[in-house]
Amino acid sequence: KGGSKEALRGLGFCYEKGLGVKSNLRKAVQMYQQAAEAGNATAWSDLANCVVNASGMSRNNMKAFLLFKKSASMGDAVGNRKLGWCYVKGIGVEKDVKKGVQYYHRAAEMGDSMAISSLGVCYAKGMGVRKDQVKAFELFKRAAEMGNPTDICNLGVCYKKGTGVKVDHKKAAELYQKAADMGDAAAICNLGVCYYSGTGVEKDVDKALSYWHEAARMGNSAAKHNLERCKKQKGDKVEKVLLLASLSKLVPPTMSQQSVMERPLFKEPMTELSPEDQIKRRSLALEALKMTLEQIQAKHRKDTAEAAAQTKAEAEADSKTPDGKASKPERASKTEVRLAQLIESCKVLLDLMSEPKKRKAAPKIVKPIQIRSRLLKPPS
């Protein structure tokens, strides 16, 4: 009981998200309420979010607006941004985009990255302000420099479409890659578009399909649409890429073990498949096995060369560990682990080509590496 207002708010966040404790929205609201009454301005915004989302409280947009307003009046950046959002969307108050932009400006001046990004959208679309694409680009760039993957992806869209800056497809692809590595679903989808068309990167349709599958798994609708169109056009090639990407782990995972192996073509015993499907399954597995083995060899050659170069560099620098022995490159152990995983994947592919006698369920495969997720509207 008691405690500082910051600690109370932090505890409320833990209860809301289930961090270190069992998720309890009502308890979260209690903690936020105590923190707010103790003088934490942002806690009033947290309470308002609970009201808007009906998390531990009944939904009441007018009440949420008043709570955001109180937070903003105390000089809180998040409160000002959220109050601007209420005016722009008409949440609990009559819609007034110009007034909403004013509050975005206030929050942006306090350094709130999401407010800066929201302002960028307003200037790009001419919402509540005169349309100014150069200003929008500057705002997106400023927000991206603060490290938010959504804003980095937005900046990539600017370079792709020439919004306030000269079109630079290579730069756009680099930004998409950076945001994708941070888990942004739209950036993963957009990166797939780049590889599919060869815009800013070397064309690689298989890699594009893999990126779209990952983005689709994370809920990106544009990626789902792109993938469905490709399935209709390319048929078996897409199925082959699905299997390879899921089992080999050499490209972003496209489908979970469950979704791949639950497909009738792979789930049913070979003896229960039609002659045509038996041939198709063996053909796909053999093709994937061939590609996997080729990439195993390429991966092994690359890592061996890099490990040798690292060892040589350490020897020239006379790098020694405390016990007097030369340090061993970390890459060697990582290579061994990756090769073991890939060999296991090959065993699964061979199993798919075999004619099972008693097996009724699909074989267990190596769990694919997951890419973190975040959602943003992709470029058209």
Protein backbone atom coordinates (compact mmCIF):
# COMPACT_ATOMS: atom_id res chain seq x y z
CA LYS A 1 0.00 0.00 0.00
CA GLY A 2 1.07 3.60 -0.49
CA GLY A 3 4.22 4.22 -2.53
CA SER A 4 5.27 6.87 -5.00
CA LYS A 5 2.96 7.99 -7.78
CA GLU A 6 5.37 6.69 -10.42
CA ALA A 7 5.53 3.29 -8.74
CA LEU A 8 1.73 3.13 -8.51
CA ARG A 9 1.40 3.89 -12.21
CA GLY A 10 4.07 1.29 -13.04
CA LEU A 11 2.22 -1.29 -10.98
CA GLY A 12 -0.99 -0.43 -12.81
CA PHE A 13 0.78 -1.05 -16.13
CA CYS A 14 2.01 -4.44 -14.89
CA TYR A 15 -1.53 -5.46 -13.91
CA GLU A 16 -2.91 -4.21 -17.23
CA LYS A 17 -0.36 -6.08 -19.38
CA GLY A 18 0.17 -9.07 -17.12
CA LEU A 19 3.87 -8.36 -16.59
CA GLY A 20 5.19 -10.34 -13.62
CA VAL A 21 1.65 -10.72 -12.28
CA LYS A 22 -1.61 -12.19 -13.50
CA SER A 23 -3.45 -9.69 -15.70
CA ASN A 24 -6.13 -7.90 -13.66
CA LEU A 25 -7.75 -4.90 -15.36
CA ARG A 26 -9.76 -3.83 -12.33
CA LYS A 27 -6.63 -3.83 -10.22
CA ALA A 28 -4.85 -1.86 -12.94
CA VAL A 29 -7.57 0.78 -12.86
CA GLN A 30 -7.25 1.04 -9.07
CA MET A 31 -3.49 1.58 -9.34
CA TYR A 32 -3.89 4.19 -12.10
CA GLN A 33 -6.56 5.97 -10.02
CA GLN A 34 -4.27 6.12 -6.98
CA ALA A 35 -1.34 7.35 -9.09
CA ALA A 36 -3.51 10.03 -10.73
CA GLU A 37 -4.87 11.26 -7.41
CA ALA A 38 -1.29 11.37 -6.11
CA GLY A 39 -0.42 13.79 -8.92
CA ASN A 40 0.83 11.68 -11.83
CA ALA A 41 -0.45 13.44 -14.96
CA THR A 42 0.07 10.52 -17.33
CA ALA A 43 -1.98 8.26 -15.05
CA TRP A 44 -5.05 10.33 -15.95
CA SER A 45 -4.40 9.38 -19.60
CA ASP A 46 -4.00 5.75 -18.60
CA LEU A 47 -7.40 5.89 -16.92
CA ALA A 48 -8.89 7.51 -19.99
CA ASN A 49 -7.48 4.72 -22.19
CA CYS A 50 -9.15 2.18 -19.92
CA VAL A 51 -12.46 4.02 -20.38
CA VAL A 52 -12.08 4.21 -24.19
CA ASN A 53 -11.12 0.54 -24.47
CA ALA A 54 -13.55 -0.62 -21.77
CA SER A 55 -10.63 -2.22 -19.92
CA GLY A 56 -11.73 -2.75 -16.35
CA MET A 57 -14.23 0.11 -16.73
CA SER A 58 -17.41 0.73 -18.72
CA ARG A 59 -16.96 2.56 -22.02
CA ASN A 60 -17.72 6.27 -21.79
CA ASN A 61 -16.19 8.52 -24.45
CA MET A 62 -17.20 11.77 -22.77
CA LYS A 63 -15.59 10.68 -19.52
CA ALA A 64 -12.45 9.66 -21.41
CA PHE A 65 -12.29 13.08 -23.07
CA LEU A 66 -12.50 14.82 -19.68
CA LEU A 67 -9.74 12.59 -18.27
CA PHE A 68 -7.46 13.32 -21.24
CA LYS A 69 -8.23 17.01 -20.80
CA LYS A 70 -7.21 16.88 -17.15
CA SER A 71 -3.96 15.13 -18.06
CA ALA A 72 -3.24 17.74 -20.74
CA SER A 73 -3.97 20.61 -18.35
CA MET A 74 -1.23 19.22 -16.08
CA GLY A 75 1.28 19.56 -18.92
CA ASP A 76 1.51 15.90 -19.88
CA ALA A 77 2.67 15.21 -23.46
CA VAL A 78 0.62 12.01 -23.79
CA GLY A 79 -2.45 13.80 -22.45
CA ASN A 80 -2.08 16.56 -25.03
CA ARG A 81 -1.63 14.09 -27.86
CA LYS A 82 -4.62 12.05 -26.77
CA LEU A 83 -6.73 15.17 -26.38
CA GLY A 84 -5.78 16.12 -29.94
CA TRP A 85 -6.83 12.64 -31.05
CA CYS A 86 -10.24 13.15 -29.39
CA TYR A 87 -10.79 16.37 -31.34
CA VAL A 88 -9.57 14.88 -34.63
CA LYS A 89 -11.79 11.79 -34.30
CA GLY A 90 -14.70 13.37 -32.42
CA ILE A 91 -14.27 11.11 -29.36
CA GLY A 92 -16.40 12.45 -26.52
CA VAL A 93 -16.44 15.94 -28.07
CA GLU A 94 -17.55 17.62 -31.28
CA LYS A 95 -15.05 16.94 -34.06
CA ASP A 96 -12.61 19.83 -34.59
CA VAL A 97 -9.54 18.79 -36.60
CA LYS A 98 -7.85 22.20 -36.41
CA LYS A 99 -8.06 22.18 -32.64
CA GLY A 100 -6.80 18.62 -32.59
CA VAL A 101 -3.74 19.66 -34.62
CA GLN A 102 -3.03 22.39 -32.06
CA TYR A 103 -2.81 19.80 -29.31
CA TYR A 104 -0.61 17.59 -31.52
CA HIS A 105 1.72 20.59 -31.85
CA ARG A 106 1.84 21.02 -28.08
CA ALA A 107 2.67 17.35 -27.53
CA ALA A 108 5.26 17.40 -30.34
CA GLU A 109 6.99 20.37 -28.73
CA MET A 110 7.27 18.25 -25.58
CA GLY A 111 9.06 15.54 -27.60
CA ASP A 112 6.26 13.01 -28.00
CA SER A 113 7.26 10.90 -31.05
CA MET A 114 3.71 9.72 -31.77
CA ALA A 115 2.47 13.31 -31.78
CA ILE A 116 5.24 14.23 -34.23
CA SER A 117 4.22 11.35 -36.47
CA SER A 118 0.53 12.31 -36.19
CA LEU A 119 1.42 15.83 -37.26
CA GLY A 120 3.25 14.36 -40.23
CA VAL A 121 0.06 12.60 -41.30
CA CYS A 122 -1.91 15.84 -40.93
CA TYR A 123 0.52 17.79 -43.13
CA ALA A 124 0.76 14.97 -45.68
CA LYS A 125 -3.04 14.80 -46.06
CA GLY A 126 -3.89 18.45 -45.38
CA MET A 127 -5.92 17.62 -42.27
CA GLY A 128 -6.52 20.78 -40.21
CA VAL A 129 -3.52 22.46 -41.85
CA ARG A 130 -2.47 23.43 -45.35
CA LYS A 131 -1.05 20.41 -47.16
CA ASP A 132 2.75 20.52 -47.03
CA GLN A 133 4.58 17.35 -48.06
CA VAL A 134 8.04 18.77 -47.30
CA LYS A 135 6.90 19.56 -43.75
CA ALA A 136 5.38 16.09 -43.49
CA PHE A 137 8.68 14.49 -44.55
CA GLU A 138 10.61 16.53 -42.00
CA LEU A 139 8.23 15.43 -39.25
CA PHE A 140 8.37 11.75 -40.26
CA LYS A 141 12.17 11.95 -40.35
CA ARG A 142 12.26 13.55 -36.90
CA ALA A 143 9.96 10.86 -35.50
CA ALA A 144 11.93 8.05 -37.17
CA GLU A 145 15.15 9.32 -35.59
CA MET A 146 13.53 8.61 -32.23
CA GLY A 147 13.55 4.90 -33.07
CA ASN A 148 9.87 4.01 -33.52
CA PRO A 149 9.54 1.28 -36.23
CA THR A 150 6.18 2.64 -37.38
CA ASP A 151 7.75 6.03 -38.09
CA ILE A 152 10.75 4.42 -39.80
CA CYS A 153 8.34 2.60 -42.10
CA ASN A 154 6.47 5.87 -42.74
CA LEU A 155 9.75 7.50 -43.73
CA GLY A 156 10.35 4.63 -46.14
CA VAL A 157 6.95 5.30 -47.72
CA CYS A 158 7.99 8.94 -48.19
CA TYR A 159 11.10 7.87 -50.11
CA LYS A 160 9.08 5.38 -52.16
CA LYS A 161 6.35 7.83 -53.14
CA GLY A 162 8.47 11.00 -53.21
CA THR A 163 6.52 12.65 -50.40
CA GLY A 164 8.49 15.83 -49.67
CA VAL A 165 11.71 14.22 -50.90
CA LYS A 166 13.19 12.86 -54.14
CA VAL A 167 12.13 9.28 -54.89
CA ASP A 168 14.80 6.85 -53.69
CA HIS A 169 13.73 3.21 -53.87
CA LYS A 170 16.99 1.89 -52.42
CA LYS A 171 16.65 4.15 -49.38
CA ALA A 172 13.01 3.11 -49.01
CA ALA A 173 13.98 -0.57 -49.01
CA GLU A 174 16.70 0.05 -46.42
CA LEU A 175 14.22 1.77 -44.12
CA TYR A 176 11.66 -1.01 -44.61
CA GLN A 177 14.36 -3.54 -43.71
CA LYS A 178 15.26 -1.60 -40.57
CA ALA A 179 11.63 -1.38 -39.45
CA ALA A 180 11.01 -5.03 -40.40
CA ASP A 181 13.93 -6.10 -38.22
CA MET A 182 12.19 -4.27 -35.38
CA GLY A 183 8.98 -6.23 -36.03
CA ASP A 184 6.81 -3.82 -38.04
CA ALA A 185 4.30 -5.89 -40.05
CA ALA A 186 3.68 -3.22 -42.69
CA ALA A 187 7.42 -2.82 -43.24
CA ILE A 188 7.69 -6.60 -43.72
CA CYS A 189 4.87 -6.43 -46.27
CA ASN A 190 6.45 -3.44 -48.04
CA LEU A 191 9.81 -5.22 -48.13
CA GLY A 192 8.05 -8.11 -49.83
CA VAL A 193 6.75 -5.68 -52.47
CA CYS A 194 10.32 -4.45 -53.05
CA TYR A 195 11.65 -7.98 -53.56
CA TYR A 196 8.72 -9.00 -55.74
CA SER A 197 9.21 -6.09 -58.15
CA GLY A 198 12.97 -5.73 -57.73
CA THR A 199 12.54 -2.13 -56.57
CA GLY A 200 15.50 -0.93 -54.52
CA VAL A 201 16.73 -4.52 -54.06
CA GLU A 202 17.60 -7.46 -56.29
CA LYS A 203 14.42 -9.20 -57.43
CA ASP A 204 13.67 -12.36 -55.42
CA VAL A 205 10.10 -13.66 -55.71
CA ASP A 206 10.64 -16.47 -53.20
CA LYS A 207 11.83 -14.02 -50.58
CA ALA A 208 8.87 -11.73 -51.34
CA LEU A 209 6.46 -14.61 -50.74
CA SER A 210 8.18 -15.40 -47.46
CA TYR A 211 7.91 -11.81 -46.24
CA TRP A 212 4.26 -11.62 -47.24
CA HIS A 213 3.48 -14.82 -45.38
CA GLU A 214 5.08 -13.48 -42.23
CA ALA A 215 3.23 -10.16 -42.49
CA ALA A 216 -0.04 -11.98 -43.22
CA ARG A 217 0.47 -14.18 -40.16
CA MET A 218 0.78 -10.97 -38.14
CA GLY A 219 -2.56 -9.71 -39.53
CA ASN A 220 -1.47 -7.41 -42.38
CA SER A 221 -4.36 -7.37 -44.87
CA ALA A 222 -2.29 -6.09 -47.82
CA ALA A 223 0.12 -9.01 -47.43
CA LYS A 224 -2.80 -11.47 -47.37
CA HIS A 225 -4.16 -9.93 -50.57
CA ASN A 226 -0.79 -10.06 -52.33
CA LEU A 227 -0.27 -13.66 -51.29
CA GLU A 228 -3.67 -14.82 -52.49
CA ARG A 229 -3.09 -13.24 -55.89
CA CYS A 230 0.29 -14.96 -56.16
CA LYS A 231 -1.18 -18.32 -55.20
CA LYS A 232 -3.67 -18.05 -58.06
CA GLN A 233 -0.92 -17.11 -60.52
CA LYS A 234 1.95 -19.35 -59.38
CA GLY A 235 0.26 -22.37 -57.79
CA ASP A 236 2.77 -25.11 -56.89
CA LYS A 237 5.71 -22.71 -56.69
CA VAL A 238 4.10 -20.97 -53.72
CA GLU A 239 3.49 -24.32 -52.00
CA LYS A 240 7.16 -25.19 -52.46
CA VAL A 241 8.27 -21.88 -50.97
CA LEU A 242 5.94 -22.40 -48.00
CA LEU A 243 7.44 -25.75 -47.20
CA LEU A 244 11.03 -24.63 -47.66
CA ALA A 245 10.63 -21.44 -45.63
CA SER A 246 8.90 -23.23 -42.77
CA LEU A 247 11.40 -26.08 -42.56
CA SER A 248 14.77 -24.66 -43.62
CA LYS A 249 14.72 -21.43 -41.53
CA LEU A 250 16.90 -19.75 -44.15
CA VAL A 251 14.24 -17.15 -44.94
CA PRO A 252 11.65 -15.45 -42.71
CA PRO A 253 9.15 -18.09 -41.49
CA THR A 254 6.06 -18.18 -43.64
CA MET A 255 3.72 -20.44 -41.77
CA SER A 256 3.69 -22.09 -38.37
CA GLN A 257 4.31 -25.83 -37.99
CA GLN A 258 0.60 -26.28 -37.36
CA SER A 259 -0.55 -24.46 -40.50
CA VAL A 260 1.94 -26.17 -42.83
CA MET A 261 1.55 -29.70 -41.58
CA GLU A 262 -2.25 -29.48 -41.21
CA ARG A 263 -2.59 -29.06 -44.98
CA PRO A 264 -4.15 -32.27 -46.40
CA LEU A 265 -1.27 -32.71 -48.85
CA PHE A 266 1.18 -33.08 -45.95
CA LYS A 267 -1.08 -34.30 -43.14
CA GLU A 268 -2.59 -37.41 -44.72
CA PRO A 269 -0.62 -40.69 -44.88
CA MET A 270 0.90 -41.20 -48.32
CA THR A 271 -1.20 -44.31 -48.91
CA GLU A 272 -4.42 -42.30 -48.51
CA LEU A 273 -3.46 -39.69 -51.11
CA SER A 274 -4.43 -39.93 -54.74
CA PRO A 275 -1.64 -40.92 -57.17
CA GLU A 276 -1.52 -37.32 -58.41
CA ASP A 277 -1.14 -35.92 -54.86
CA GLN A 278 1.51 -38.52 -54.01
CA ILE A 279 3.56 -37.34 -56.97
CA LYS A 280 2.97 -33.70 -56.05
CA ARG A 281 4.03 -34.23 -52.43
CA ARG A 282 7.19 -36.10 -53.38
CA SER A 283 8.02 -33.53 -56.02
CA LEU A 284 7.60 -30.58 -53.64
CA ALA A 285 9.55 -32.25 -50.84
CA LEU A 286 12.35 -33.28 -53.21
CA GLU A 287 12.59 -29.77 -54.67
CA ALA A 288 12.65 -28.23 -51.18
CA LEU A 289 15.25 -30.78 -50.05
CA LYS A 290 17.48 -29.91 -53.00
CA MET A 291 17.20 -26.17 -52.30
CA THR A 292 17.79 -26.70 -48.58
CA LEU A 293 20.91 -28.78 -49.16
CA GLU A 294 22.27 -26.20 -51.59
CA GLN A 295 21.76 -23.45 -49.03
CA ILE A 296 23.30 -25.59 -46.28
CA GLN A 297 26.43 -25.91 -48.39
CA ALA A 298 26.48 -22.19 -49.19
CA LYS A 299 25.91 -21.29 -45.54
CA HIS A 300 28.65 -23.66 -44.40
CA ARG A 301 31.16 -22.28 -46.94
CA LYS A 302 30.38 -18.69 -45.95
CA ASP A 303 30.57 -19.26 -42.20
CA THR A 304 33.73 -21.36 -42.50
CA ALA A 305 35.41 -18.61 -44.52
CA GLU A 306 34.34 -15.93 -42.05
CA ALA A 307 35.47 -18.02 -39.08
CA ALA A 308 38.85 -18.63 -40.74
CA ALA A 309 39.25 -14.92 -41.45
CA GLN A 310 38.33 -14.07 -37.85
CA THR A 311 40.82 -16.63 -36.50
CA LYS A 312 43.56 -15.25 -38.75
CA ALA A 313 42.84 -11.70 -37.62
CA GLU A 314 42.97 -12.73 -33.97
CA ALA A 315 46.24 -14.59 -34.53
CA GLU A 316 47.80 -11.55 -36.17
CA ALA A 317 46.67 -9.37 -33.29
CA ASP A 318 48.00 -12.03 -30.90
CA SER A 319 44.63 -12.10 -29.15
CA LYS A 320 44.83 -14.36 -26.09
CA THR A 321 42.42 -15.37 -23.35
CA PRO A 322 43.50 -15.16 -19.65
CA ASP A 323 44.64 -18.81 -19.69
CA GLY A 324 46.89 -18.16 -22.68
CA LYS A 325 44.80 -19.94 -25.33
CA ALA A 326 43.59 -18.28 -28.47
CA SER A 327 39.97 -17.23 -28.29
CA LYS A 328 37.57 -19.36 -30.34
CA PRO A 329 35.24 -17.53 -32.73
CA GLU A 330 31.65 -17.57 -31.51
CA ARG A 331 30.45 -18.01 -35.10
CA ALA A 332 31.72 -21.61 -35.22
CA SER A 333 29.30 -22.78 -32.52
CA LYS A 334 26.42 -20.85 -34.07
CA THR A 335 27.18 -22.47 -37.43
CA GLU A 336 27.13 -25.93 -35.88
CA VAL A 337 23.74 -25.25 -34.29
CA ARG A 338 22.27 -23.90 -37.55
CA LEU A 339 23.60 -26.84 -39.57
CA ALA A 340 22.11 -29.28 -37.06
CA GLN A 341 18.74 -27.54 -37.38
CA LEU A 342 18.89 -27.62 -41.17
CA ILE A 343 19.87 -31.30 -41.22
CA GLU A 344 16.84 -31.98 -39.00
CA SER A 345 14.69 -30.14 -41.53
CA CYS A 346 16.08 -32.33 -44.30
CA LYS A 347 15.08 -35.42 -42.33
CA VAL A 348 11.53 -34.07 -42.19
CA LEU A 349 11.52 -33.51 -45.94
CA LEU A 350 12.76 -37.06 -46.52
CA ASP A 351 10.01 -38.31 -44.21
CA LEU A 352 7.42 -36.47 -46.27
CA MET A 353 8.61 -38.31 -49.36
CA SER A 354 8.43 -41.72 -47.66
CA GLU A 355 5.40 -43.97 -47.52
CA PRO A 356 4.34 -44.07 -43.84
CA LYS A 357 3.11 -47.37 -42.45
CA LYS A 358 1.65 -46.52 -39.04
CA ARG A 359 2.14 -42.78 -38.81
CA LYS A 360 -1.16 -40.88 -38.67
CA ALA A 361 0.09 -37.44 -37.61
CA ALA A 362 2.55 -35.14 -39.31
CA PRO A 363 6.17 -35.31 -38.11
CA LYS A 364 7.44 -32.77 -35.62
CA ILE A 365 9.59 -30.12 -37.27
CA VAL A 366 12.05 -27.53 -36.05
CA LYS A 367 10.25 -24.54 -34.58
CA PRO A 368 10.77 -21.53 -36.92
CA ILE A 369 12.35 -18.30 -35.73
CA GLN A 370 9.67 -15.66 -35.25
CA ILE A 371 9.79 -12.06 -36.44
CA ARG A 372 8.41 -9.42 -34.09
CA SER A 373 5.19 -7.71 -35.11
CA ARG A 374 3.80 -4.23 -35.46
CA LEU A 375 1.10 -2.93 -37.83
CA LEU A 376 1.03 0.09 -40.16
CA LYS A 377 -0.71 0.91 -43.42
CA PRO A 378 1.53 -0.14 -46.37
CA PRO A 379 2.02 1.87 -49.55
CA SER A 380 -0.48 1.32 -52.32
